[in-house]
Amino acid sequence: MDRIATSDALFKRNVVNEIIWCPLCEGEKESAVHVLTSCYVATVIWQFISSWCGLNPVYAFDVRDLLKIHLTCGVDKIKQKALQALILTTCWCIWKARNEAIFDNKRVSVNRI
């Protein structure tokens, strides 16, 4: 819903004068969808997660896709809840890395995330 305070959303609300590049990959404009789904760093992390869980590769085109993956993976209810928790935690870790890159000038490391 474009409520997360990324530079893209802040620019649309006339809060900032310019859109900054994604602090994780520095290859695209920063938006919530990009940071959590299409950023190179995020896609590598989602592939690690899907491999670790023994699932088909995760392809998310929107944040809503990420939030619904646990419903379509073909596992029982207990594993669905665990997968949902893992996805939410991973989103939080990606966002935390984004904040550390912006506010603390920390270098992004896929392995650390």
PDB file of N, CA and C in Angstrom:
ATOM      1  N   MET A   1       0.817  -1.209   0.000  1.00  0.00           N
ATOM      2  CA  MET A   1       0.000   0.000   0.000  1.00  0.00           C
ATOM      3  C   MET A   1       0.854   1.265   0.000  1.00  0.00           C
ATOM      4  N   ASP A   2       2.156   1.084  -0.191  1.00  0.00           N
ATOM      5  CA  ASP A   2       3.093   2.213  -0.285  1.00  0.00           C
ATOM      6  C   ASP A   2       3.157   3.060   0.985  1.00  0.00           C
ATOM      7  N   ARG A   3       2.984   2.429   2.130  1.00  0.00           N
ATOM      8  CA  ARG A   3       3.041   3.167   3.393  1.00  0.00           C
ATOM      9  C   ARG A   3       4.397   3.096   4.071  1.00  0.00           C
ATOM     10  N   ILE A   4       5.236   2.172   3.643  1.00  0.00           N
ATOM     11  CA  ILE A   4       6.560   2.037   4.235  1.00  0.00           C
ATOM     12  C   ILE A   4       7.422   3.195   3.744  1.00  0.00           C
ATOM     13  N   ALA A   5       8.170   3.790   4.656  1.00  0.00           N
ATOM     14  CA  ALA A   5       8.918   5.014   4.363  1.00  0.00           C
ATOM     15  C   ALA A   5      10.205   4.747   3.584  1.00  0.00           C
ATOM     16  N   THR A   6      10.064   4.278   2.361  1.00  0.00           N
ATOM     17  CA  THR A   6      11.220   4.155   1.471  1.00  0.00           C
ATOM     18  C   THR A   6      11.386   5.488   0.758  1.00  0.00           C
ATOM     19  N   SER A   7      12.512   5.671   0.112  1.00  0.00           N
ATOM     20  CA  SER A   7      12.724   6.955  -0.568  1.00  0.00           C
ATOM     21  C   SER A   7      11.704   7.172  -1.681  1.00  0.00           C
ATOM     22  N   ASP A   8      11.298   6.094  -2.338  1.00  0.00           N
ATOM     23  CA  ASP A   8      10.291   6.197  -3.393  1.00  0.00           C
ATOM     24  C   ASP A   8       8.958   6.709  -2.837  1.00  0.00           C
ATOM     25  N   ALA A   9       8.509   6.137  -1.729  1.00  0.00           N
ATOM     26  CA  ALA A   9       7.241   6.554  -1.118  1.00  0.00           C
ATOM     27  C   ALA A   9       7.344   7.976  -0.569  1.00  0.00           C
ATOM     28  N   LEU A  10       8.477   8.312   0.041  1.00  0.00           N
ATOM     29  CA  LEU A  10       8.654   9.671   0.573  1.00  0.00           C
ATOM     30  C   LEU A  10       8.703  10.703  -0.547  1.00  0.00           C
ATOM     31  N   PHE A  11       9.291  10.343  -1.682  1.00  0.00           N
ATOM     32  CA  PHE A  11       9.334  11.233  -2.833  1.00  0.00           C
ATOM     33  C   PHE A  11       7.919  11.497  -3.352  1.00  0.00           C
ATOM     34  N   LYS A  12       7.102  10.459  -3.433  1.00  0.00           N
ATOM     35  CA  LYS A  12       5.717  10.619  -3.898  1.00  0.00           C
ATOM     36  C   LYS A  12       4.901  11.515  -2.965  1.00  0.00           C
ATOM     37  N   ARG A  13       5.271  11.545  -1.681  1.00  0.00           N
ATOM     38  CA  ARG A  13       4.570  12.388  -0.700  1.00  0.00           C
ATOM     39  C   ARG A  13       5.214  13.770  -0.558  1.00  0.00           C
ATOM     40  N   ASN A  14       6.206  14.061  -1.395  1.00  0.00           N
ATOM     41  CA  ASN A  14       6.930  15.339  -1.370  1.00  0.00           C
ATOM     42  C   ASN A  14       7.661  15.577  -0.049  1.00  0.00           C
ATOM     43  N   VAL A  15       8.134  14.511   0.578  1.00  0.00           N
ATOM     44  CA  VAL A  15       8.890  14.627   1.821  1.00  0.00           C
ATOM     45  C   VAL A  15      10.381  14.785   1.517  1.00  0.00           C
ATOM     46  N   VAL A  16      10.849  14.114   0.482  1.00  0.00           N
ATOM     47  CA  VAL A  16      12.245  14.239   0.053  1.00  0.00           C
ATOM     48  C   VAL A  16      12.268  14.725  -1.391  1.00  0.00           C
ATOM     49  N   ASN A  17      13.395  15.304  -1.788  1.00  0.00           N
ATOM     50  CA  ASN A  17      13.508  15.881  -3.128  1.00  0.00           C
ATOM     51  C   ASN A  17      14.020  14.915  -4.182  1.00  0.00           C
ATOM     52  N   GLU A  18      14.597  13.795  -3.755  1.00  0.00           N
ATOM     53  CA  GLU A  18      15.138  12.852  -4.726  1.00  0.00           C
ATOM     54  C   GLU A  18      14.968  11.423  -4.220  1.00  0.00           C
ATOM     55  N   ILE A  19      14.916  10.505  -5.156  1.00  0.00           N
ATOM     56  CA  ILE A  19      14.817   9.093  -4.832  1.00  0.00           C
ATOM     57  C   ILE A  19      16.233   8.541  -4.751  1.00  0.00           C
ATOM     58  N   ILE A  20      16.514   7.812  -3.691  1.00  0.00           N
ATOM     59  CA  ILE A  20      17.849   7.214  -3.578  1.00  0.00           C
ATOM     60  C   ILE A  20      17.818   5.791  -4.132  1.00  0.00           C
ATOM     61  N   TRP A  21      18.988   5.267  -4.410  1.00  0.00           N
ATOM     62  CA  TRP A  21      19.112   3.906  -4.891  1.00  0.00           C
ATOM     63  C   TRP A  21      18.983   2.949  -3.727  1.00  0.00           C
ATOM     64  N   CYS A  22      18.620   1.736  -4.046  1.00  0.00           N
ATOM     65  CA  CYS A  22      18.496   0.685  -3.036  1.00  0.00           C
ATOM     66  C   CYS A  22      19.818   0.566  -2.278  1.00  0.00           C
ATOM     67  N   PRO A  23      19.787   0.649  -0.947  1.00  0.00           N
ATOM     68  CA  PRO A  23      21.036   0.561  -0.191  1.00  0.00           C
ATOM     69  C   PRO A  23      21.631  -0.852  -0.159  1.00  0.00           C
ATOM     70  N   LEU A  24      20.858  -1.850  -0.573  1.00  0.00           N
ATOM     71  CA  LEU A  24      21.355  -3.223  -0.570  1.00  0.00           C
ATOM     72  C   LEU A  24      22.113  -3.559  -1.848  1.00  0.00           C
ATOM     73  N   CYS A  25      21.542  -3.190  -3.004  1.00  0.00           N
ATOM     74  CA  CYS A  25      22.177  -3.550  -4.280  1.00  0.00           C
ATOM     75  C   CYS A  25      22.685  -2.345  -5.057  1.00  0.00           C
ATOM     76  N   GLU A  26      22.185  -1.176  -4.728  1.00  0.00           N
ATOM     77  CA  GLU A  26      22.546   0.071  -5.399  1.00  0.00           C
ATOM     78  C   GLU A  26      22.294   0.019  -6.900  1.00  0.00           C
ATOM     79  N   GLY A  27      21.319  -0.803  -7.322  1.00  0.00           N
ATOM     80  CA  GLY A  27      21.063  -0.963  -8.740  1.00  0.00           C
ATOM     81  C   GLY A  27      19.692  -0.499  -9.189  1.00  0.00           C
ATOM     82  N   GLU A  28      18.801  -0.234  -8.268  1.00  0.00           N
ATOM     83  CA  GLU A  28      17.433   0.175  -8.588  1.00  0.00           C
ATOM     84  C   GLU A  28      16.990   1.257  -7.612  1.00  0.00           C
ATOM     85  N   LYS A  29      15.897   1.916  -7.956  1.00  0.00           N
ATOM     86  CA  LYS A  29      15.303   2.864  -7.017  1.00  0.00           C
ATOM     87  C   LYS A  29      14.757   2.097  -5.827  1.00  0.00           C
ATOM     88  N   GLU A  30      14.880   2.701  -4.653  1.00  0.00           N
ATOM     89  CA  GLU A  30      14.432   2.032  -3.438  1.00  0.00           C
ATOM     90  C   GLU A  30      12.915   2.107  -3.287  1.00  0.00           C
ATOM     91  N   SER A  31      12.295   0.953  -3.196  1.00  0.00           N
ATOM     92  CA  SER A  31      10.876   0.839  -2.846  1.00  0.00           C
ATOM     93  C   SER A  31      10.743  -0.398  -1.981  1.00  0.00           C
ATOM     94  N   ALA A  32       9.651  -0.522  -1.255  1.00  0.00           N
ATOM     95  CA  ALA A  32       9.458  -1.688  -0.396  1.00  0.00           C
ATOM     96  C   ALA A  32       9.422  -2.966  -1.228  1.00  0.00           C
ATOM     97  N   VAL A  33       8.742  -2.914  -2.362  1.00  0.00           N
ATOM     98  CA  VAL A  33       8.660  -4.093  -3.226  1.00  0.00           C
ATOM     99  C   VAL A  33      10.051  -4.489  -3.702  1.00  0.00           C
ATOM    100  N   HIS A  34      10.837  -3.508  -4.126  1.00  0.00           N
ATOM    101  CA  HIS A  34      12.183  -3.823  -4.606  1.00  0.00           C
ATOM    102  C   HIS A  34      13.031  -4.416  -3.479  1.00  0.00           C
ATOM    103  N   VAL A  35      13.085  -3.750  -2.333  1.00  0.00           N
ATOM    104  CA  VAL A  35      13.959  -4.183  -1.239  1.00  0.00           C
ATOM    105  C   VAL A  35      13.624  -5.606  -0.784  1.00  0.00           C
ATOM    106  N   LEU A  36      12.340  -5.942  -0.718  1.00  0.00           N
ATOM    107  CA  LEU A  36      11.942  -7.242  -0.176  1.00  0.00           C
ATOM    108  C   LEU A  36      11.786  -8.347  -1.217  1.00  0.00           C
ATOM    109  N   THR A  37      11.647  -7.993  -2.502  1.00  0.00           N
ATOM    110  CA  THR A  37      11.384  -9.052  -3.485  1.00  0.00           C
ATOM    111  C   THR A  37      12.347  -9.073  -4.668  1.00  0.00           C
ATOM    112  N   SER A  38      12.566  -7.955  -5.324  1.00  0.00           N
ATOM    113  CA  SER A  38      13.321  -7.991  -6.577  1.00  0.00           C
ATOM    114  C   SER A  38      14.774  -7.549  -6.467  1.00  0.00           C
ATOM    115  N   CYS A  39      15.175  -7.050  -5.327  1.00  0.00           N
ATOM    116  CA  CYS A  39      16.574  -6.687  -5.106  1.00  0.00           C
ATOM    117  C   CYS A  39      17.425  -7.953  -5.224  1.00  0.00           C
ATOM    118  N   TYR A  40      18.591  -7.832  -5.833  1.00  0.00           N
ATOM    119  CA  TYR A  40      19.479  -8.983  -5.993  1.00  0.00           C
ATOM    120  C   TYR A  40      19.760  -9.637  -4.641  1.00  0.00           C
ATOM    121  N   VAL A  41      20.023  -8.841  -3.629  1.00  0.00           N
ATOM    122  CA  VAL A  41      20.319  -9.368  -2.295  1.00  0.00           C
ATOM    123  C   VAL A  41      19.125 -10.162  -1.776  1.00  0.00           C
ATOM    124  N   ALA A  42      17.923  -9.615  -1.912  1.00  0.00           N
ATOM    125  CA  ALA A  42      16.722 -10.303  -1.434  1.00  0.00           C
ATOM    126  C   ALA A  42      16.478 -11.594  -2.201  1.00  0.00           C
ATOM    127  N   THR A  43      16.677 -11.581  -3.512  1.00  0.00           N
ATOM    128  CA  THR A  43      16.425 -12.796  -4.290  1.00  0.00           C
ATOM    129  C   THR A  43      17.399 -13.912  -3.900  1.00  0.00           C
ATOM    130  N   VAL A  44      18.638 -13.564  -3.627  1.00  0.00           N
ATOM    131  CA  VAL A  44      19.603 -14.571  -3.173  1.00  0.00           C
ATOM    132  C   VAL A  44      19.166 -15.132  -1.822  1.00  0.00           C
ATOM    133  N   ILE A  45      18.738 -14.266  -0.931  1.00  0.00           N
ATOM    134  CA  ILE A  45      18.285 -14.716   0.393  1.00  0.00           C
ATOM    135  C   ILE A  45      17.069 -15.620   0.268  1.00  0.00           C
ATOM    136  N   TRP A  46      16.104 -15.258  -0.592  1.00  0.00           N
ATOM    137  CA  TRP A  46      14.908 -16.101  -0.755  1.00  0.00           C
ATOM    138  C   TRP A  46      15.272 -17.448  -1.352  1.00  0.00           C
ATOM    139  N   GLN A  47      16.283 -17.494  -2.213  1.00  0.00           N
ATOM    140  CA  GLN A  47      16.716 -18.780  -2.754  1.00  0.00           C
ATOM    141  C   GLN A  47      17.384 -19.635  -1.674  1.00  0.00           C
ATOM    142  N   PHE A  48      18.171 -18.997  -0.802  1.00  0.00           N
ATOM    143  CA  PHE A  48      18.748 -19.720   0.333  1.00  0.00           C
ATOM    144  C   PHE A  48      17.647 -20.301   1.220  1.00  0.00           C
ATOM    145  N   ILE A  49      16.640 -19.491   1.506  1.00  0.00           N
ATOM    146  CA  ILE A  49      15.543 -19.926   2.377  1.00  0.00           C
ATOM    147  C   ILE A  49      14.795 -21.092   1.743  1.00  0.00           C
ATOM    148  N   SER A  50      14.455 -20.977   0.466  1.00  0.00           N
ATOM    149  CA  SER A  50      13.701 -22.058  -0.186  1.00  0.00           C
ATOM    150  C   SER A  50      14.528 -23.339  -0.243  1.00  0.00           C
ATOM    151  N   SER A  51      15.802 -23.228  -0.501  1.00  0.00           N
ATOM    152  CA  SER A  51      16.669 -24.406  -0.541  1.00  0.00           C
ATOM    153  C   SER A  51      16.771 -25.037   0.849  1.00  0.00           C
ATOM    154  N   TRP A  52      16.975 -24.216   1.863  1.00  0.00           N
ATOM    155  CA  TRP A  52      17.105 -24.695   3.237  1.00  0.00           C
ATOM    156  C   TRP A  52      15.838 -25.405   3.703  1.00  0.00           C
ATOM    157  N   CYS A  53      14.685 -24.907   3.253  1.00  0.00           N
ATOM    158  CA  CYS A  53      13.396 -25.505   3.633  1.00  0.00           C
ATOM    159  C   CYS A  53      12.999 -26.667   2.734  1.00  0.00           C
ATOM    160  N   GLY A  54      13.759 -26.911   1.674  1.00  0.00           N
ATOM    161  CA  GLY A  54      13.425 -27.976   0.746  1.00  0.00           C
ATOM    162  C   GLY A  54      12.207 -27.666  -0.101  1.00  0.00           C
ATOM    163  N   LEU A  55      12.016 -26.389  -0.420  1.00  0.00           N
ATOM    164  CA  LEU A  55      10.876 -25.941  -1.219  1.00  0.00           C
ATOM    165  C   LEU A  55      11.327 -25.585  -2.630  1.00  0.00           C
ATOM    166  N   ASN A  56      10.357 -25.440  -3.517  1.00  0.00           N
ATOM    167  CA  ASN A  56      10.652 -24.906  -4.844  1.00  0.00           C
ATOM    168  C   ASN A  56      11.162 -23.479  -4.680  1.00  0.00           C
ATOM    169  N   PRO A  57      11.933 -22.990  -5.634  1.00  0.00           N
ATOM    170  CA  PRO A  57      12.440 -21.621  -5.519  1.00  0.00           C
ATOM    171  C   PRO A  57      11.317 -20.602  -5.311  1.00  0.00           C
ATOM    172  N   VAL A  58      11.622 -19.602  -4.497  1.00  0.00           N
ATOM    173  CA  VAL A  58      10.655 -18.551  -4.183  1.00  0.00           C
ATOM    174  C   VAL A  58      10.744 -17.467  -5.248  1.00  0.00           C
ATOM    175  N   TYR A  59       9.622 -17.214  -5.898  1.00  0.00           N
ATOM    176  CA  TYR A  59       9.527 -16.107  -6.844  1.00  0.00           C
ATOM    177  C   TYR A  59       8.400 -15.205  -6.371  1.00  0.00           C
ATOM    178  N   ALA A  60       8.758 -14.041  -5.874  1.00  0.00           N
ATOM    179  CA  ALA A  60       7.764 -13.105  -5.373  1.00  0.00           C
ATOM    180  C   ALA A  60       7.863 -11.822  -6.193  1.00  0.00           C
ATOM    181  N   PHE A  61       6.740 -11.387  -6.723  1.00  0.00           N
ATOM    182  CA  PHE A  61       6.705 -10.160  -7.514  1.00  0.00           C
ATOM    183  C   PHE A  61       6.155  -9.002  -6.705  1.00  0.00           C
ATOM    184  N   ASP A  62       5.625  -9.308  -5.531  1.00  0.00           N
ATOM    185  CA  ASP A  62       5.050  -8.312  -4.651  1.00  0.00           C
ATOM    186  C   ASP A  62       5.207  -8.819  -3.224  1.00  0.00           C
ATOM    187  N   VAL A  63       5.108  -7.936  -2.264  1.00  0.00           N
ATOM    188  CA  VAL A  63       5.212  -8.335  -0.861  1.00  0.00           C
ATOM    189  C   VAL A  63       4.071  -9.293  -0.509  1.00  0.00           C
ATOM    190  N   ARG A  64       2.919  -9.093  -1.098  1.00  0.00           N
ATOM    191  CA  ARG A  64       1.786 -10.002  -0.845  1.00  0.00           C
ATOM    192  C   ARG A  64       2.116 -11.432  -1.252  1.00  0.00           C
ATOM    193  N   ASP A  65       2.880 -11.589  -2.327  1.00  0.00           N
ATOM    194  CA  ASP A  65       3.306 -12.925  -2.748  1.00  0.00           C
ATOM    195  C   ASP A  65       4.125 -13.603  -1.650  1.00  0.00           C
ATOM    196  N   LEU A  66       5.024 -12.845  -1.030  1.00  0.00           N
ATOM    197  CA  LEU A  66       5.822 -13.398   0.057  1.00  0.00           C
ATOM    198  C   LEU A  66       4.943 -13.842   1.218  1.00  0.00           C
ATOM    199  N   LEU A  67       3.950 -13.016   1.527  1.00  0.00           N
ATOM    200  CA  LEU A  67       3.103 -13.295   2.680  1.00  0.00           C
ATOM    201  C   LEU A  67       2.157 -14.466   2.462  1.00  0.00           C
ATOM    202  N   LYS A  68       2.034 -14.935   1.213  1.00  0.00           N
ATOM    203  CA  LYS A  68       1.136 -16.054   0.909  1.00  0.00           C
ATOM    204  C   LYS A  68       1.867 -17.333   0.531  1.00  0.00           C
ATOM    205  N   ILE A  69       3.183 -17.316   0.499  1.00  0.00           N
ATOM    206  CA  ILE A  69       3.941 -18.486   0.075  1.00  0.00           C
ATOM    207  C   ILE A  69       3.622 -19.694   0.940  1.00  0.00           C
ATOM    208  N   HIS A  70       3.475 -19.490   2.233  1.00  0.00           N
ATOM    209  CA  HIS A  70       3.233 -20.618   3.134  1.00  0.00           C
ATOM    210  C   HIS A  70       1.927 -21.348   2.815  1.00  0.00           C
ATOM    211  N   LEU A  71       1.002 -20.672   2.134  1.00  0.00           N
ATOM    212  CA  LEU A  71      -0.289 -21.280   1.813  1.00  0.00           C
ATOM    213  C   LEU A  71      -0.229 -22.170   0.576  1.00  0.00           C
ATOM    214  N   THR A  72       0.777 -21.975  -0.254  1.00  0.00           N
ATOM    215  CA  THR A  72       0.833 -22.686  -1.536  1.00  0.00           C
ATOM    216  C   THR A  72       1.996 -23.673  -1.650  1.00  0.00           C
ATOM    217  N   CYS A  73       2.677 -23.929  -0.558  1.00  0.00           N
ATOM    218  CA  CYS A  73       3.872 -24.776  -0.640  1.00  0.00           C
ATOM    219  C   CYS A  73       3.579 -26.264  -0.465  1.00  0.00           C
ATOM    220  N   GLY A  74       2.350 -26.618  -0.128  1.00  0.00           N
ATOM    221  CA  GLY A  74       1.981 -28.028  -0.045  1.00  0.00           C
ATOM    222  C   GLY A  74       2.477 -28.753   1.187  1.00  0.00           C
ATOM    223  N   VAL A  75       2.570 -28.070   2.316  1.00  0.00           N
ATOM    224  CA  VAL A  75       2.975 -28.711   3.565  1.00  0.00           C
ATOM    225  C   VAL A  75       1.829 -28.637   4.570  1.00  0.00           C
ATOM    226  N   ASP A  76       1.948 -29.392   5.660  1.00  0.00           N
ATOM    227  CA  ASP A  76       0.876 -29.405   6.664  1.00  0.00           C
ATOM    228  C   ASP A  76       0.806 -28.080   7.423  1.00  0.00           C
ATOM    229  N   LYS A  77      -0.235 -27.921   8.226  1.00  0.00           N
ATOM    230  CA  LYS A  77      -0.514 -26.646   8.912  1.00  0.00           C
ATOM    231  C   LYS A  77       0.625 -26.218   9.839  1.00  0.00           C
ATOM    232  N   ILE A  78       1.220 -27.169  10.543  1.00  0.00           N
ATOM    233  CA  ILE A  78       2.303 -26.808  11.473  1.00  0.00           C
ATOM    234  C   ILE A  78       3.501 -26.262  10.697  1.00  0.00           C
ATOM    235  N   LYS A  79       3.846 -26.912   9.598  1.00  0.00           N
ATOM    236  CA  LYS A  79       4.964 -26.434   8.778  1.00  0.00           C
ATOM    237  C   LYS A  79       4.614 -25.117   8.093  1.00  0.00           C
ATOM    238  N   GLN A  80       3.343 -24.912   7.762  1.00  0.00           N
ATOM    239  CA  GLN A  80       2.920 -23.637   7.177  1.00  0.00           C
ATOM    240  C   GLN A  80       3.170 -22.501   8.158  1.00  0.00           C
ATOM    241  N   LYS A  81       2.821 -22.713   9.426  1.00  0.00           N
ATOM    242  CA  LYS A  81       3.029 -21.673  10.439  1.00  0.00           C
ATOM    243  C   LYS A  81       4.514 -21.388  10.638  1.00  0.00           C
ATOM    244  N   ALA A  82       5.316 -22.449  10.634  1.00  0.00           N
ATOM    245  CA  ALA A  82       6.769 -22.272  10.773  1.00  0.00           C
ATOM    246  C   ALA A  82       7.330 -21.507   9.577  1.00  0.00           C
ATOM    247  N   LEU A  83       6.873 -21.856   8.376  1.00  0.00           N
ATOM    248  CA  LEU A  83       7.337 -21.172   7.172  1.00  0.00           C
ATOM    249  C   LEU A  83       6.904 -19.712   7.168  1.00  0.00           C
ATOM    250  N   GLN A  84       5.675 -19.456   7.596  1.00  0.00           N
ATOM    251  CA  GLN A  84       5.198 -18.077   7.679  1.00  0.00           C
ATOM    252  C   GLN A  84       6.066 -17.265   8.645  1.00  0.00           C
ATOM    253  N   ALA A  85       6.393 -17.845   9.786  1.00  0.00           N
ATOM    254  CA  ALA A  85       7.255 -17.160  10.756  1.00  0.00           C
ATOM    255  C   ALA A  85       8.638 -16.905  10.163  1.00  0.00           C
ATOM    256  N   LEU A  86       9.161 -17.877   9.431  1.00  0.00           N
ATOM    257  CA  LEU A  86      10.470 -17.728   8.795  1.00  0.00           C
ATOM    258  C   LEU A  86      10.451 -16.615   7.750  1.00  0.00           C
ATOM    259  N   ILE A  87       9.393 -16.545   6.971  1.00  0.00           N
ATOM    260  CA  ILE A  87       9.277 -15.499   5.946  1.00  0.00           C
ATOM    261  C   ILE A  87       9.199 -14.119   6.589  1.00  0.00           C
ATOM    262  N   LEU A  88       8.381 -13.982   7.618  1.00  0.00           N
ATOM    263  CA  LEU A  88       8.260 -12.689   8.301  1.00  0.00           C
ATOM    264  C   LEU A  88       9.575 -12.285   8.961  1.00  0.00           C
ATOM    265  N   THR A  89      10.252 -13.244   9.559  1.00  0.00           N
ATOM    266  CA  THR A  89      11.542 -12.959  10.188  1.00  0.00           C
ATOM    267  C   THR A  89      12.577 -12.555   9.142  1.00  0.00           C
ATOM    268  N   THR A  90      12.559 -13.222   8.005  1.00  0.00           N
ATOM    269  CA  THR A  90      13.494 -12.890   6.931  1.00  0.00           C
ATOM    270  C   THR A  90      13.229 -11.487   6.391  1.00  0.00           C
ATOM    271  N   CYS A  91      11.953 -11.142   6.210  1.00  0.00           N
ATOM    272  CA  CYS A  91      11.615  -9.771   5.778  1.00  0.00           C
ATOM    273  C   CYS A  91      12.170  -8.762   6.773  1.00  0.00           C
ATOM    274  N   TRP A  92      12.001  -9.052   8.054  1.00  0.00           N
ATOM    275  CA  TRP A  92      12.493  -8.146   9.087  1.00  0.00           C
ATOM    276  C   TRP A  92      14.014  -8.031   9.009  1.00  0.00           C
ATOM    277  N   CYS A  93      14.707  -9.153   8.793  1.00  0.00           N
ATOM    278  CA  CYS A  93      16.169  -9.133   8.709  1.00  0.00           C
ATOM    279  C   CYS A  93      16.651  -8.343   7.483  1.00  0.00           C
ATOM    280  N   ILE A  94      15.962  -8.508   6.362  1.00  0.00           N
ATOM    281  CA  ILE A  94      16.314  -7.736   5.156  1.00  0.00           C
ATOM    282  C   ILE A  94      16.106  -6.252   5.423  1.00  0.00           C
ATOM    283  N   TRP A  95      14.987  -5.905   6.045  1.00  0.00           N
ATOM    284  CA  TRP A  95      14.690  -4.496   6.336  1.00  0.00           C
ATOM    285  C   TRP A  95      15.694  -3.931   7.333  1.00  0.00           C
ATOM    286  N   LYS A  96      16.076  -4.725   8.314  1.00  0.00           N
ATOM    287  CA  LYS A  96      17.062  -4.289   9.302  1.00  0.00           C
ATOM    288  C   LYS A  96      18.403  -4.027   8.621  1.00  0.00           C
ATOM    289  N   ALA A  97      18.806  -4.891   7.699  1.00  0.00           N
ATOM    290  CA  ALA A  97      20.047  -4.688   6.952  1.00  0.00           C
ATOM    291  C   ALA A  97      19.967  -3.419   6.118  1.00  0.00           C
ATOM    292  N   ARG A  98      18.808  -3.165   5.540  1.00  0.00           N
ATOM    293  CA  ARG A  98      18.590  -1.934   4.764  1.00  0.00           C
ATOM    294  C   ARG A  98      18.774  -0.723   5.665  1.00  0.00           C
ATOM    295  N   ASN A  99      18.171  -0.753   6.859  1.00  0.00           N
ATOM    296  CA  ASN A  99      18.296   0.371   7.795  1.00  0.00           C
ATOM    297  C   ASN A  99      19.735   0.566   8.255  1.00  0.00           C
ATOM    298  N   GLU A 100      20.434  -0.535   8.524  1.00  0.00           N
ATOM    299  CA  GLU A 100      21.841  -0.426   8.935  1.00  0.00           C
ATOM    300  C   GLU A 100      22.699   0.160   7.820  1.00  0.00           C
ATOM    301  N   ALA A 101      22.396  -0.185   6.576  1.00  0.00           N
ATOM    302  CA  ALA A 101      23.146   0.370   5.452  1.00  0.00           C
ATOM    303  C   ALA A 101      22.907   1.872   5.328  1.00  0.00           C
ATOM    304  N   ILE A 102      21.673   2.294   5.546  1.00  0.00           N
ATOM    305  CA  ILE A 102      21.336   3.716   5.410  1.00  0.00           C
ATOM    306  C   ILE A 102      21.813   4.526   6.609  1.00  0.00           C
ATOM    307  N   PHE A 103      21.462   4.084   7.810  1.00  0.00           N
ATOM    308  CA  PHE A 103      21.669   4.903   9.000  1.00  0.00           C
ATOM    309  C   PHE A 103      23.005   4.680   9.698  1.00  0.00           C
ATOM    310  N   ASP A 104      23.598   3.494   9.532  1.00  0.00           N
ATOM    311  CA  ASP A 104      24.855   3.194  10.202  1.00  0.00           C
ATOM    312  C   ASP A 104      26.018   2.994   9.234  1.00  0.00           C
ATOM    313  N   ASN A 105      25.764   3.173   7.937  1.00  0.00           N
ATOM    314  CA  ASN A 105      26.773   2.977   6.892  1.00  0.00           C
ATOM    315  C   ASN A 105      27.441   1.603   6.974  1.00  0.00           C
ATOM    316  N   LYS A 106      26.666   0.589   7.348  1.00  0.00           N
ATOM    317  CA  LYS A 106      27.205  -0.775   7.415  1.00  0.00           C
ATOM    318  C   LYS A 106      27.150  -1.408   6.035  1.00  0.00           C
ATOM    319  N   ARG A 107      28.148  -2.191   5.745  1.00  0.00           N
ATOM    320  CA  ARG A 107      28.228  -2.903   4.474  1.00  0.00           C
ATOM    321  C   ARG A 107      27.239  -4.072   4.501  1.00  0.00           C
ATOM    322  N   VAL A 108      26.563  -4.274   3.386  1.00  0.00           N
ATOM    323  CA  VAL A 108      25.568  -5.345   3.278  1.00  0.00           C
ATOM    324  C   VAL A 108      26.251  -6.660   2.991  1.00  0.00           C
ATOM    325  N   SER A 109      25.873  -7.690   3.744  1.00  0.00           N
ATOM    326  CA  SER A 109      26.408  -9.029   3.538  1.00  0.00           C
ATOM    327  C   SER A 109      25.259 -10.015   3.525  1.00  0.00           C
ATOM    328  N   VAL A 110      25.092 -10.708   2.400  1.00  0.00           N
ATOM    329  CA  VAL A 110      24.012 -11.690   2.282  1.00  0.00           C
ATOM    330  C   VAL A 110      24.158 -12.754   3.356  1.00  0.00           C
ATOM    331  N   ASN A 111      25.365 -13.209   3.611  1.00  0.00           N
ATOM    332  CA  ASN A 111      25.582 -14.245   4.614  1.00  0.00           C
ATOM    333  C   ASN A 111      25.228 -13.770   6.014  1.00  0.00           C
ATOM    334  N   ARG A 112      25.493 -12.501   6.310  1.00  0.00           N
ATOM    335  CA  ARG A 112      25.151 -11.961   7.629  1.00  0.00           C
ATOM    336  C   ARG A 112      23.641 -11.839   7.779  1.00  0.00           C
ATOM    337  N   ILE A 113      22.960 -11.455   6.700  1.00  0.00           N
ATOM    338  CA  ILE A 113      21.499 -11.334   6.766  1.00  0.00           C
ATOM    339  C   ILE A 113      20.918 -12.709   7.005  1.00  0.00           C
TER     340      ILE A 113
END
